[in-house]
Amino acid sequence: MKGKITLLVGGAVGYVLGTRAGRERYEQIKSQAQSLWGNPKVQEKASQAQDLAKEKGPEMGQKVADAASGAAGQAKDKMTGGSSDSTGSASTAPYPTSASTGTGYPPSPTAG
């Protein structure tokens, strides 16, 4: 019980001290970030990165789309238990259809 009270008191003291210094420190960090962002070297590198993204974006987008399509096909094959045929369609039943039940699931152990 003493540990819980100590934790609560410590948290309350930390909160009060943090809020007193919080706004001043926030403004300090904000002004430093703004001056860094305004630096000509930083702006030059940001512009270079933006140009590179514009140049390589369509190529990378196509690679991502191809990879996603391949992964989706593999996942579908795993879920259906088979591979796609030449038309791209795969078996939809997860198990062979049981002739006795017609449910698409394996027959139960008690089924005749």
PDB file of N, CA and C in Angstrom:
ATOM      1  N   MET A   1       0.828  -1.196   0.000  1.00  0.00           N
ATOM      2  CA  MET A   1       0.000   0.000   0.000  1.00  0.00           C
ATOM      3  C   MET A   1       0.865   1.249   0.000  1.00  0.00           C
ATOM      4  N   LYS A   2       1.973   1.200   0.755  1.00  0.00           N
ATOM      5  CA  LYS A   2       2.872   2.347   0.826  1.00  0.00           C
ATOM      6  C   LYS A   2       3.483   2.632  -0.547  1.00  0.00           C
ATOM      7  N   GLY A   3       3.791   1.582  -1.312  1.00  0.00           N
ATOM      8  CA  GLY A   3       4.369   1.746  -2.641  1.00  0.00           C
ATOM      9  C   GLY A   3       3.402   2.420  -3.600  1.00  0.00           C
ATOM     10  N   LYS A   4       2.125   2.070  -3.500  1.00  0.00           N
ATOM     11  CA  LYS A   4       1.120   2.678  -4.371  1.00  0.00           C
ATOM     12  C   LYS A   4       0.951   4.166  -4.068  1.00  0.00           C
ATOM     13  N   ILE A   5       0.950   4.504  -2.790  1.00  0.00           N
ATOM     14  CA  ILE A   5       0.807   5.907  -2.402  1.00  0.00           C
ATOM     15  C   ILE A   5       2.024   6.698  -2.867  1.00  0.00           C
ATOM     16  N   THR A   6       3.213   6.127  -2.713  1.00  0.00           N
ATOM     17  CA  THR A   6       4.435   6.795  -3.158  1.00  0.00           C
ATOM     18  C   THR A   6       4.398   7.026  -4.662  1.00  0.00           C
ATOM     19  N   LEU A   7       3.924   6.037  -5.402  1.00  0.00           N
ATOM     20  CA  LEU A   7       3.820   6.157  -6.854  1.00  0.00           C
ATOM     21  C   LEU A   7       2.842   7.274  -7.236  1.00  0.00           C
ATOM     22  N   LEU A   8       1.686   7.317  -6.576  1.00  0.00           N
ATOM     23  CA  LEU A   8       0.709   8.359  -6.870  1.00  0.00           C
ATOM     24  C   LEU A   8       1.231   9.751  -6.530  1.00  0.00           C
ATOM     25  N   VAL A   9       1.887   9.900  -5.389  1.00  0.00           N
ATOM     26  CA  VAL A   9       2.435  11.197  -4.985  1.00  0.00           C
ATOM     27  C   VAL A   9       3.531  11.610  -5.968  1.00  0.00           C
ATOM     28  N   GLY A  10       4.393  10.686  -6.334  1.00  0.00           N
ATOM     29  CA  GLY A  10       5.455  10.981  -7.296  1.00  0.00           C
ATOM     30  C   GLY A  10       4.888  11.398  -8.638  1.00  0.00           C
ATOM     31  N   GLY A  11       3.846  10.709  -9.084  1.00  0.00           N
ATOM     32  CA  GLY A  11       3.203  11.063 -10.346  1.00  0.00           C
ATOM     33  C   GLY A  11       2.578  12.441 -10.287  1.00  0.00           C
ATOM     34  N   ALA A  12       1.938  12.769  -9.180  1.00  0.00           N
ATOM     35  CA  ALA A  12       1.306  14.085  -9.027  1.00  0.00           C
ATOM     36  C   ALA A  12       2.353  15.192  -9.009  1.00  0.00           C
ATOM     37  N   VAL A  13       3.440  14.985  -8.286  1.00  0.00           N
ATOM     38  CA  VAL A  13       4.510  15.991  -8.229  1.00  0.00           C
ATOM     39  C   VAL A  13       5.116  16.173  -9.617  1.00  0.00           C
ATOM     40  N   GLY A  14       5.377  15.084 -10.310  1.00  0.00           N
ATOM     41  CA  GLY A  14       5.927  15.160 -11.660  1.00  0.00           C
ATOM     42  C   GLY A  14       5.001  15.895 -12.609  1.00  0.00           C
ATOM     43  N   TYR A  15       3.720  15.646 -12.471  1.00  0.00           N
ATOM     44  CA  TYR A  15       2.739  16.318 -13.330  1.00  0.00           C
ATOM     45  C   TYR A  15       2.747  17.827 -13.091  1.00  0.00           C
ATOM     46  N   VAL A  16       2.722  18.217 -11.822  1.00  0.00           N
ATOM     47  CA  VAL A  16       2.697  19.645 -11.487  1.00  0.00           C
ATOM     48  C   VAL A  16       3.970  20.331 -11.975  1.00  0.00           C
ATOM     49  N   LEU A  17       5.123  19.732 -11.717  1.00  0.00           N
ATOM     50  CA  LEU A  17       6.376  20.337 -12.157  1.00  0.00           C
ATOM     51  C   LEU A  17       6.475  20.355 -13.679  1.00  0.00           C
ATOM     52  N   GLY A  18       6.006  19.314 -14.317  1.00  0.00           N
ATOM     53  CA  GLY A  18       6.037  19.246 -15.771  1.00  0.00           C
ATOM     54  C   GLY A  18       5.148  20.279 -16.427  1.00  0.00           C
ATOM     55  N   THR A  19       3.984  20.528 -15.860  1.00  0.00           N
ATOM     56  CA  THR A  19       3.087  21.514 -16.458  1.00  0.00           C
ATOM     57  C   THR A  19       3.599  22.934 -16.257  1.00  0.00           C
ATOM     58  N   ARG A  20       4.318  23.175 -15.169  1.00  0.00           N
ATOM     59  CA  ARG A  20       4.872  24.517 -14.951  1.00  0.00           C
ATOM     60  C   ARG A  20       5.940  24.840 -15.991  1.00  0.00           C
ATOM     61  N   ALA A  21       6.816  23.873 -16.261  1.00  0.00           N
ATOM     62  CA  ALA A  21       7.892  24.095 -17.217  1.00  0.00           C
ATOM     63  C   ALA A  21       7.468  23.718 -18.628  1.00  0.00           C
ATOM     64  N   GLY A  22       6.345  23.072 -18.758  1.00  0.00           N
ATOM     65  CA  GLY A  22       5.930  22.500 -20.029  1.00  0.00           C
ATOM     66  C   GLY A  22       5.759  23.496 -21.158  1.00  0.00           C
ATOM     67  N   ARG A  23       5.046  24.563 -20.949  1.00  0.00           N
ATOM     68  CA  ARG A  23       4.759  25.513 -22.015  1.00  0.00           C
ATOM     69  C   ARG A  23       6.035  26.223 -22.481  1.00  0.00           C
ATOM     70  N   GLU A  24       6.862  26.592 -21.525  1.00  0.00           N
ATOM     71  CA  GLU A  24       8.116  27.272 -21.866  1.00  0.00           C
ATOM     72  C   GLU A  24       9.017  26.330 -22.683  1.00  0.00           C
ATOM     73  N   ARG A  25       9.138  25.119 -22.244  1.00  0.00           N
ATOM     74  CA  ARG A  25       9.981  24.154 -22.961  1.00  0.00           C
ATOM     75  C   ARG A  25       9.387  23.847 -24.335  1.00  0.00           C
ATOM     76  N   TYR A  26       8.079  23.735 -24.424  1.00  0.00           N
ATOM     77  CA  TYR A  26       7.420  23.497 -25.707  1.00  0.00           C
ATOM     78  C   TYR A  26       7.754  24.614 -26.699  1.00  0.00           C
ATOM     79  N   GLU A  27       7.651  25.851 -26.256  1.00  0.00           N
ATOM     80  CA  GLU A  27       7.953  26.993 -27.119  1.00  0.00           C
ATOM     81  C   GLU A  27       9.416  26.985 -27.552  1.00  0.00           C
ATOM     82  N   GLN A  28      10.289  26.580 -26.644  1.00  0.00           N
ATOM     83  CA  GLN A  28      11.712  26.495 -26.954  1.00  0.00           C
ATOM     84  C   GLN A  28      11.973  25.447 -28.039  1.00  0.00           C
ATOM     85  N   ILE A  29      11.393  24.281 -27.882  1.00  0.00           N
ATOM     86  CA  ILE A  29      11.558  23.206 -28.869  1.00  0.00           C
ATOM     87  C   ILE A  29      10.957  23.617 -30.205  1.00  0.00           C
ATOM     88  N   LYS A  30       9.804  24.256 -30.167  1.00  0.00           N
ATOM     89  CA  LYS A  30       9.132  24.695 -31.389  1.00  0.00           C
ATOM     90  C   LYS A  30       9.983  25.696 -32.161  1.00  0.00           C
ATOM     91  N   SER A  31      10.568  26.662 -31.475  1.00  0.00           N
ATOM     92  CA  SER A  31      11.391  27.662 -32.161  1.00  0.00           C
ATOM     93  C   SER A  31      12.655  27.025 -32.740  1.00  0.00           C
ATOM     94  N   GLN A  32      13.236  26.045 -32.045  1.00  0.00           N
ATOM     95  CA  GLN A  32      14.414  25.355 -32.569  1.00  0.00           C
ATOM     96  C   GLN A  32      14.059  24.547 -33.817  1.00  0.00           C
ATOM     97  N   ALA A  33      12.920  23.906 -33.800  1.00  0.00           N
ATOM     98  CA  ALA A  33      12.487  23.125 -34.961  1.00  0.00           C
ATOM     99  C   ALA A  33      12.219  24.029 -36.160  1.00  0.00           C
ATOM    100  N   GLN A  34      11.604  25.172 -35.920  1.00  0.00           N
ATOM    101  CA  GLN A  34      11.329  26.108 -37.009  1.00  0.00           C
ATOM    102  C   GLN A  34      12.623  26.665 -37.602  1.00  0.00           C
ATOM    103  N   SER A  35      13.599  26.968 -36.761  1.00  0.00           N
ATOM    104  CA  SER A  35      14.864  27.484 -37.287  1.00  0.00           C
ATOM    105  C   SER A  35      15.608  26.400 -38.056  1.00  0.00           C
ATOM    106  N   LEU A  36      15.529  25.163 -37.602  1.00  0.00           N
ATOM    107  CA  LEU A  36      16.150  24.051 -38.330  1.00  0.00           C
ATOM    108  C   LEU A  36      15.480  23.864 -39.684  1.00  0.00           C
ATOM    109  N   TRP A  37      14.168  23.884 -39.709  1.00  0.00           N
ATOM    110  CA  TRP A  37      13.435  23.706 -40.968  1.00  0.00           C
ATOM    111  C   TRP A  37      13.723  24.840 -41.947  1.00  0.00           C
ATOM    112  N   GLY A  38      13.955  26.029 -41.445  1.00  0.00           N
ATOM    113  CA  GLY A  38      14.249  27.183 -42.282  1.00  0.00           C
ATOM    114  C   GLY A  38      15.681  27.207 -42.818  1.00  0.00           C
ATOM    115  N   ASN A  39      16.529  26.317 -42.329  1.00  0.00           N
ATOM    116  CA  ASN A  39      17.922  26.243 -42.764  1.00  0.00           C
ATOM    117  C   ASN A  39      17.975  25.906 -44.258  1.00  0.00           C
ATOM    118  N   PRO A  40      18.747  26.663 -45.060  1.00  0.00           N
ATOM    119  CA  PRO A  40      18.812  26.413 -46.503  1.00  0.00           C
ATOM    120  C   PRO A  40      19.299  25.000 -46.869  1.00  0.00           C
ATOM    121  N   LYS A  41      20.221  24.439 -46.095  1.00  0.00           N
ATOM    122  CA  LYS A  41      20.701  23.080 -46.378  1.00  0.00           C
ATOM    123  C   LYS A  41      19.576  22.050 -46.186  1.00  0.00           C
ATOM    124  N   VAL A  42      18.797  22.243 -45.134  1.00  0.00           N
ATOM    125  CA  VAL A  42      17.676  21.333 -44.879  1.00  0.00           C
ATOM    126  C   VAL A  42      16.644  21.455 -45.996  1.00  0.00           C
ATOM    127  N   GLN A  43      16.360  22.670 -46.421  1.00  0.00           N
ATOM    128  CA  GLN A  43      15.395  22.886 -47.499  1.00  0.00           C
ATOM    129  C   GLN A  43      15.886  22.271 -48.812  1.00  0.00           C
ATOM    130  N   GLU A  44      17.186  22.352 -49.072  1.00  0.00           N
ATOM    131  CA  GLU A  44      17.749  21.769 -50.289  1.00  0.00           C
ATOM    132  C   GLU A  44      17.589  20.244 -50.277  1.00  0.00           C
ATOM    133  N   LYS A  45      17.895  19.619 -49.146  1.00  0.00           N
ATOM    134  CA  LYS A  45      17.759  18.158 -49.039  1.00  0.00           C
ATOM    135  C   LYS A  45      16.287  17.749 -49.124  1.00  0.00           C
ATOM    136  N   ALA A  46      15.402  18.523 -48.543  1.00  0.00           N
ATOM    137  CA  ALA A  46      13.976  18.215 -48.619  1.00  0.00           C
ATOM    138  C   ALA A  46      13.494  18.301 -50.062  1.00  0.00           C
ATOM    139  N   SER A  47      13.972  19.274 -50.785  1.00  0.00           N
ATOM    140  CA  SER A  47      13.599  19.429 -52.194  1.00  0.00           C
ATOM    141  C   SER A  47      14.125  18.262 -53.021  1.00  0.00           C
ATOM    142  N   GLN A  48      15.356  17.840 -52.745  1.00  0.00           N
ATOM    143  CA  GLN A  48      15.931  16.691 -53.454  1.00  0.00           C
ATOM    144  C   GLN A  48      15.121  15.425 -53.175  1.00  0.00           C
ATOM    145  N   ALA A  49      14.740  15.226 -51.937  1.00  0.00           N
ATOM    146  CA  ALA A  49      13.954  14.052 -51.574  1.00  0.00           C
ATOM    147  C   ALA A  49      12.591  14.080 -52.267  1.00  0.00           C
ATOM    148  N   GLN A  50      11.996  15.248 -52.350  1.00  0.00           N
ATOM    149  CA  GLN A  50      10.697  15.384 -53.008  1.00  0.00           C
ATOM    150  C   GLN A  50      10.812  15.093 -54.503  1.00  0.00           C
ATOM    151  N   ASP A  51      11.863  15.592 -55.136  1.00  0.00           N
ATOM    152  CA  ASP A  51      12.080  15.329 -56.561  1.00  0.00           C
ATOM    153  C   ASP A  51      12.302  13.844 -56.825  1.00  0.00           C
ATOM    154  N   LEU A  52      13.083  13.197 -55.960  1.00  0.00           N
ATOM    155  CA  LEU A  52      13.332  11.764 -56.112  1.00  0.00           C
ATOM    156  C   LEU A  52      12.035  10.966 -55.967  1.00  0.00           C
ATOM    157  N   ALA A  53      11.204  11.347 -55.014  1.00  0.00           N
ATOM    158  CA  ALA A  53       9.930  10.656 -54.818  1.00  0.00           C
ATOM    159  C   ALA A  53       9.023  10.825 -56.034  1.00  0.00           C
ATOM    160  N   LYS A  54       9.018  12.008 -56.621  1.00  0.00           N
ATOM    161  CA  LYS A  54       8.205  12.227 -57.819  1.00  0.00           C
ATOM    162  C   LYS A  54       8.715  11.403 -58.989  1.00  0.00           C
ATOM    163  N   GLU A  55      10.031  11.276 -59.093  1.00  0.00           N
ATOM    164  CA  GLU A  55      10.642  10.528 -60.193  1.00  0.00           C
ATOM    165  C   GLU A  55      10.421   9.023 -60.051  1.00  0.00           C
ATOM    166  N   LYS A  56      10.611   8.502 -58.853  1.00  0.00           N
ATOM    167  CA  LYS A  56      10.549   7.054 -58.640  1.00  0.00           C
ATOM    168  C   LYS A  56       9.169   6.572 -58.190  1.00  0.00           C
ATOM    169  N   GLY A  57       8.270   7.474 -57.870  1.00  0.00           N
ATOM    170  CA  GLY A  57       6.960   7.102 -57.342  1.00  0.00           C
ATOM    171  C   GLY A  57       6.170   6.146 -58.210  1.00  0.00           C
ATOM    172  N   PRO A  58       5.954   6.452 -59.489  1.00  0.00           N
ATOM    173  CA  PRO A  58       5.164   5.553 -60.324  1.00  0.00           C
ATOM    174  C   PRO A  58       5.790   4.155 -60.451  1.00  0.00           C
ATOM    175  N   GLU A  59       7.113   4.117 -60.579  1.00  0.00           N
ATOM    176  CA  GLU A  59       7.811   2.828 -60.686  1.00  0.00           C
ATOM    177  C   GLU A  59       7.625   2.007 -59.407  1.00  0.00           C
ATOM    178  N   MET A  60       7.788   2.658 -58.270  1.00  0.00           N
ATOM    179  CA  MET A  60       7.643   1.955 -56.993  1.00  0.00           C
ATOM    180  C   MET A  60       6.189   1.545 -56.761  1.00  0.00           C
ATOM    181  N   GLY A  61       5.264   2.384 -57.179  1.00  0.00           N
ATOM    182  CA  GLY A  61       3.849   2.039 -57.040  1.00  0.00           C
ATOM    183  C   GLY A  61       3.502   0.781 -57.816  1.00  0.00           C
ATOM    184  N   GLN A  62       4.052   0.635 -59.011  1.00  0.00           N
ATOM    185  CA  GLN A  62       3.793  -0.563 -59.813  1.00  0.00           C
ATOM    186  C   GLN A  62       4.407  -1.794 -59.152  1.00  0.00           C
ATOM    187  N   LYS A  63       5.615  -1.648 -58.600  1.00  0.00           N
ATOM    188  CA  LYS A  63       6.252  -2.779 -57.916  1.00  0.00           C
ATOM    189  C   LYS A  63       5.437  -3.221 -56.700  1.00  0.00           C
ATOM    190  N   VAL A  64       4.933  -2.250 -55.956  1.00  0.00           N
ATOM    191  CA  VAL A  64       4.116  -2.570 -54.782  1.00  0.00           C
ATOM    192  C   VAL A  64       2.822  -3.262 -55.207  1.00  0.00           C
ATOM    193  N   ALA A  65       2.195  -2.769 -56.277  1.00  0.00           N
ATOM    194  CA  ALA A  65       0.955  -3.377 -56.754  1.00  0.00           C
ATOM    195  C   ALA A  65       1.199  -4.812 -57.222  1.00  0.00           C
ATOM    196  N   ASP A  66       2.302  -5.041 -57.936  1.00  0.00           N
ATOM    197  CA  ASP A  66       2.626  -6.392 -58.387  1.00  0.00           C
ATOM    198  C   ASP A  66       2.880  -7.331 -57.210  1.00  0.00           C
ATOM    199  N   ALA A  67       3.618  -6.846 -56.218  1.00  0.00           N
ATOM    200  CA  ALA A  67       3.902  -7.665 -55.045  1.00  0.00           C
ATOM    201  C   ALA A  67       2.625  -7.989 -54.275  1.00  0.00           C
ATOM    202  N   ALA A  68       1.744  -7.013 -54.148  1.00  0.00           N
ATOM    203  CA  ALA A  68       0.483  -7.239 -53.434  1.00  0.00           C
ATOM    204  C   ALA A  68      -0.385  -8.240 -54.185  1.00  0.00           C
ATOM    205  N   SER A  69      -0.411  -8.137 -55.503  1.00  0.00           N
ATOM    206  CA  SER A  69      -1.198  -9.064 -56.302  1.00  0.00           C
ATOM    207  C   SER A  69      -0.669 -10.487 -56.151  1.00  0.00           C
ATOM    208  N   GLY A  70       0.643 -10.640 -56.185  1.00  0.00           N
ATOM    209  CA  GLY A  70       1.243 -11.962 -56.012  1.00  0.00           C
ATOM    210  C   GLY A  70       0.973 -12.532 -54.631  1.00  0.00           C
ATOM    211  N   ALA A  71       1.070 -11.687 -53.612  1.00  0.00           N
ATOM    212  CA  ALA A  71       0.815 -12.145 -52.247  1.00  0.00           C
ATOM    213  C   ALA A  71      -0.643 -12.544 -52.072  1.00  0.00           C
ATOM    214  N   ALA A  72      -1.549 -11.793 -52.694  1.00  0.00           N
ATOM    215  CA  ALA A  72      -2.972 -12.127 -52.594  1.00  0.00           C
ATOM    216  C   ALA A  72      -3.247 -13.465 -53.259  1.00  0.00           C
ATOM    217  N   GLY A  73      -2.620 -13.715 -54.396  1.00  0.00           N
ATOM    218  CA  GLY A  73      -2.808 -14.994 -55.079  1.00  0.00           C
ATOM    219  C   GLY A  73      -2.276 -16.153 -54.259  1.00  0.00           C
ATOM    220  N   GLN A  74      -1.122 -15.964 -53.620  1.00  0.00           N
ATOM    221  CA  GLN A  74      -0.562 -17.015 -52.785  1.00  0.00           C
ATOM    222  C   GLN A  74      -1.448 -17.273 -51.565  1.00  0.00           C
ATOM    223  N   ALA A  75      -1.959 -16.217 -50.973  1.00  0.00           N
ATOM    224  CA  ALA A  75      -2.832 -16.384 -49.813  1.00  0.00           C
ATOM    225  C   ALA A  75      -4.111 -17.116 -50.209  1.00  0.00           C
ATOM    226  N   LYS A  76      -4.649 -16.792 -51.365  1.00  0.00           N
ATOM    227  CA  LYS A  76      -5.862 -17.455 -51.834  1.00  0.00           C
ATOM    228  C   LYS A  76      -5.594 -18.934 -52.067  1.00  0.00           C
ATOM    229  N   ASP A  77      -4.435 -19.248 -52.668  1.00  0.00           N
ATOM    230  CA  ASP A  77      -4.080 -20.646 -52.900  1.00  0.00           C
ATOM    231  C   ASP A  77      -3.955 -21.404 -51.586  1.00  0.00           C
ATOM    232  N   LYS A  78      -3.358 -20.770 -50.565  1.00  0.00           N
ATOM    233  CA  LYS A  78      -3.218 -21.428 -49.272  1.00  0.00           C
ATOM    234  C   LYS A  78      -4.573 -21.662 -48.617  1.00  0.00           C
ATOM    235  N   MET A  79      -5.467 -20.689 -48.751  1.00  0.00           N
ATOM    236  CA  MET A  79      -6.781 -20.812 -48.123  1.00  0.00           C
ATOM    237  C   MET A  79      -7.633 -21.867 -48.799  1.00  0.00           C
ATOM    238  N   THR A  80      -7.497 -22.007 -50.105  1.00  0.00           N
ATOM    239  CA  THR A  80      -8.333 -22.951 -50.826  1.00  0.00           C
ATOM    240  C   THR A  80      -7.707 -24.331 -50.892  1.00  0.00           C
ATOM    241  N   GLY A  81      -6.458 -24.449 -50.510  1.00  0.00           N
ATOM    242  CA  GLY A  81      -5.821 -25.748 -50.483  1.00  0.00           C
ATOM    243  C   GLY A  81      -5.348 -26.217 -51.844  1.00  0.00           C
ATOM    244  N   GLY A  82      -5.363 -25.385 -52.836  1.00  0.00           N
ATOM    245  CA  GLY A  82      -4.922 -25.770 -54.161  1.00  0.00           C
ATOM    246  C   GLY A  82      -4.327 -24.589 -54.864  1.00  0.00           C
ATOM    247  N   SER A  83      -3.918 -24.829 -56.086  1.00  0.00           N
ATOM    248  CA  SER A  83      -3.365 -23.721 -56.848  1.00  0.00           C
ATOM    249  C   SER A  83      -4.343 -23.329 -57.935  1.00  0.00           C
ATOM    250  N   SER A  84      -4.159 -22.146 -58.443  1.00  0.00           N
ATOM    251  CA  SER A  84      -5.036 -21.622 -59.483  1.00  0.00           C
ATOM    252  C   SER A  84      -4.816 -22.386 -60.771  1.00  0.00           C
ATOM    253  N   ASP A  85      -5.869 -22.494 -61.579  1.00  0.00           N
ATOM    254  CA  ASP A  85      -5.694 -23.074 -62.903  1.00  0.00           C
ATOM    255  C   ASP A  85      -5.314 -21.971 -63.874  1.00  0.00           C
ATOM    256  N   SER A  86      -5.245 -22.270 -65.149  1.00  0.00           N
ATOM    257  CA  SER A  86      -4.760 -21.295 -66.113  1.00  0.00           C
ATOM    258  C   SER A  86      -5.694 -20.094 -66.253  1.00  0.00           C
ATOM    259  N   THR A  87      -6.955 -20.214 -65.854  1.00  0.00           N
ATOM    260  CA  THR A  87      -7.881 -19.083 -65.953  1.00  0.00           C
ATOM    261  C   THR A  87      -7.803 -18.194 -64.725  1.00  0.00           C
ATOM    262  N   GLY A  88      -7.054 -18.627 -63.719  1.00  0.00           N
ATOM    263  CA  GLY A  88      -6.910 -17.812 -62.524  1.00  0.00           C
ATOM    264  C   GLY A  88      -7.932 -18.143 -61.464  1.00  0.00           C
ATOM    265  N   SER A  89      -8.852 -19.055 -61.721  1.00  0.00           N
ATOM    266  CA  SER A  89      -9.823 -19.390 -60.694  1.00  0.00           C
ATOM    267  C   SER A  89      -9.306 -20.575 -59.894  1.00  0.00           C
ATOM    268  N   ALA A  90      -9.644 -20.596 -58.658  1.00  0.00           N
ATOM    269  CA  ALA A  90      -9.212 -21.666 -57.776  1.00  0.00           C
ATOM    270  C   ALA A  90     -10.441 -22.318 -57.167  1.00  0.00           C
ATOM    271  N   SER A  91     -10.243 -23.496 -56.617  1.00  0.00           N
ATOM    272  CA  SER A  91     -11.324 -24.198 -55.943  1.00  0.00           C
ATOM    273  C   SER A  91     -11.808 -23.358 -54.777  1.00  0.00           C
ATOM    274  N   THR A  92     -13.117 -23.278 -54.562  1.00  0.00           N
ATOM    275  CA  THR A  92     -13.634 -22.452 -53.482  1.00  0.00           C
ATOM    276  C   THR A  92     -13.935 -23.257 -52.234  1.00  0.00           C
ATOM    277  N   ALA A  93     -14.048 -24.553 -52.323  1.00  0.00           N
ATOM    278  CA  ALA A  93     -14.360 -25.375 -51.161  1.00  0.00           C
ATOM    279  C   ALA A  93     -13.082 -25.668 -50.388  1.00  0.00           C
ATOM    280  N   PRO A  94     -13.092 -25.467 -49.061  1.00  0.00           N
ATOM    281  CA  PRO A  94     -11.894 -25.745 -48.295  1.00  0.00           C
ATOM    282  C   PRO A  94     -11.630 -27.236 -48.157  1.00  0.00           C
ATOM    283  N   TYR A  95     -12.655 -28.064 -48.312  1.00  0.00           N
ATOM    284  CA  TYR A  95     -12.522 -29.515 -48.216  1.00  0.00           C
ATOM    285  C   TYR A  95     -13.264 -30.141 -49.383  1.00  0.00           C
ATOM    286  N   PRO A  96     -12.905 -31.351 -49.727  1.00  0.00           N
ATOM    287  CA  PRO A  96     -13.672 -32.029 -50.779  1.00  0.00           C
ATOM    288  C   PRO A  96     -15.121 -32.211 -50.321  1.00  0.00           C
ATOM    289  N   THR A  97     -16.042 -32.098 -51.243  1.00  0.00           N
ATOM    290  CA  THR A  97     -17.453 -32.255 -50.903  1.00  0.00           C
ATOM    291  C   THR A  97     -17.722 -33.702 -50.537  1.00  0.00           C
ATOM    292  N   SER A  98     -18.392 -33.881 -49.430  1.00  0.00           N
ATOM    293  CA  SER A  98     -18.739 -35.219 -48.982  1.00  0.00           C
ATOM    294  C   SER A  98     -20.000 -35.665 -49.702  1.00  0.00           C
ATOM    295  N   ALA A  99     -19.944 -36.819 -50.286  1.00  0.00           N
ATOM    296  CA  ALA A  99     -21.100 -37.330 -51.024  1.00  0.00           C
ATOM    297  C   ALA A  99     -22.264 -37.605 -50.083  1.00  0.00           C
ATOM    298  N   SER A 100     -21.968 -38.013 -48.859  1.00  0.00           N
ATOM    299  CA  SER A 100     -23.052 -38.354 -47.946  1.00  0.00           C
ATOM    300  C   SER A 100     -23.734 -37.138 -47.353  1.00  0.00           C
ATOM    301  N   THR A 101     -23.004 -36.053 -47.121  1.00  0.00           N
ATOM    302  CA  THR A 101     -23.619 -34.891 -46.485  1.00  0.00           C
ATOM    303  C   THR A 101     -23.862 -33.752 -47.457  1.00  0.00           C
ATOM    304  N   GLY A 102     -23.034 -33.629 -48.505  1.00  0.00           N
ATOM    305  CA  GLY A 102     -23.202 -32.565 -49.477  1.00  0.00           C
ATOM    306  C   GLY A 102     -22.905 -31.189 -48.916  1.00  0.00           C
ATOM    307  N   THR A 103     -22.161 -31.134 -47.824  1.00  0.00           N
ATOM    308  CA  THR A 103     -21.924 -29.856 -47.159  1.00  0.00           C
ATOM    309  C   THR A 103     -20.635 -29.180 -47.582  1.00  0.00           C
ATOM    310  N   GLY A 104     -19.714 -29.906 -48.185  1.00  0.00           N
ATOM    311  CA  GLY A 104     -18.426 -29.332 -48.500  1.00  0.00           C
ATOM    312  C   GLY A 104     -17.429 -29.506 -47.371  1.00  0.00           C
ATOM    313  N   TYR A 105     -17.864 -30.119 -46.272  1.00  0.00           N
ATOM    314  CA  TYR A 105     -16.979 -30.399 -45.146  1.00  0.00           C
ATOM    315  C   TYR A 105     -16.764 -31.902 -45.077  1.00  0.00           C
ATOM    316  N   PRO A 106     -15.679 -32.320 -44.442  1.00  0.00           N
ATOM    317  CA  PRO A 106     -15.485 -33.763 -44.311  1.00  0.00           C
ATOM    318  C   PRO A 106     -16.623 -34.375 -43.515  1.00  0.00           C
ATOM    319  N   PRO A 107     -16.946 -35.603 -43.796  1.00  0.00           N
ATOM    320  CA  PRO A 107     -18.024 -36.231 -43.026  1.00  0.00           C
ATOM    321  C   PRO A 107     -17.636 -36.353 -41.556  1.00  0.00           C
ATOM    322  N   SER A 108     -18.631 -36.243 -40.699  1.00  0.00           N
ATOM    323  CA  SER A 108     -18.338 -36.381 -39.274  1.00  0.00           C
ATOM    324  C   SER A 108     -18.039 -37.844 -38.978  1.00  0.00           C
ATOM    325  N   PRO A 109     -17.306 -38.114 -37.884  1.00  0.00           N
ATOM    326  CA  PRO A 109     -16.961 -39.488 -37.562  1.00  0.00           C
ATOM    327  C   PRO A 109     -18.176 -40.374 -37.327  1.00  0.00           C
ATOM    328  N   THR A 110     -19.317 -39.768 -36.970  1.00  0.00           N
ATOM    329  CA  THR A 110     -20.511 -40.583 -36.706  1.00  0.00           C
ATOM    330  C   THR A 110     -21.346 -40.787 -37.950  1.00  0.00           C
ATOM    331  N   ALA A 111     -21.017 -40.057 -39.046  1.00  0.00           N
ATOM    332  CA  ALA A 111     -21.817 -40.206 -40.265  1.00  0.00           C
ATOM    333  C   ALA A 111     -21.543 -41.564 -40.889  1.00  0.00           C
ATOM    334  N   GLY A 112     -22.575 -42.170 -41.423  1.00  0.00           N
ATOM    335  CA  GLY A 112     -22.566 -43.527 -41.939  1.00  0.00           C
ATOM    336  C   GLY A 112     -21.751 -43.732 -43.093  1.00  0.00           C
TER     337      GLY A 112
END
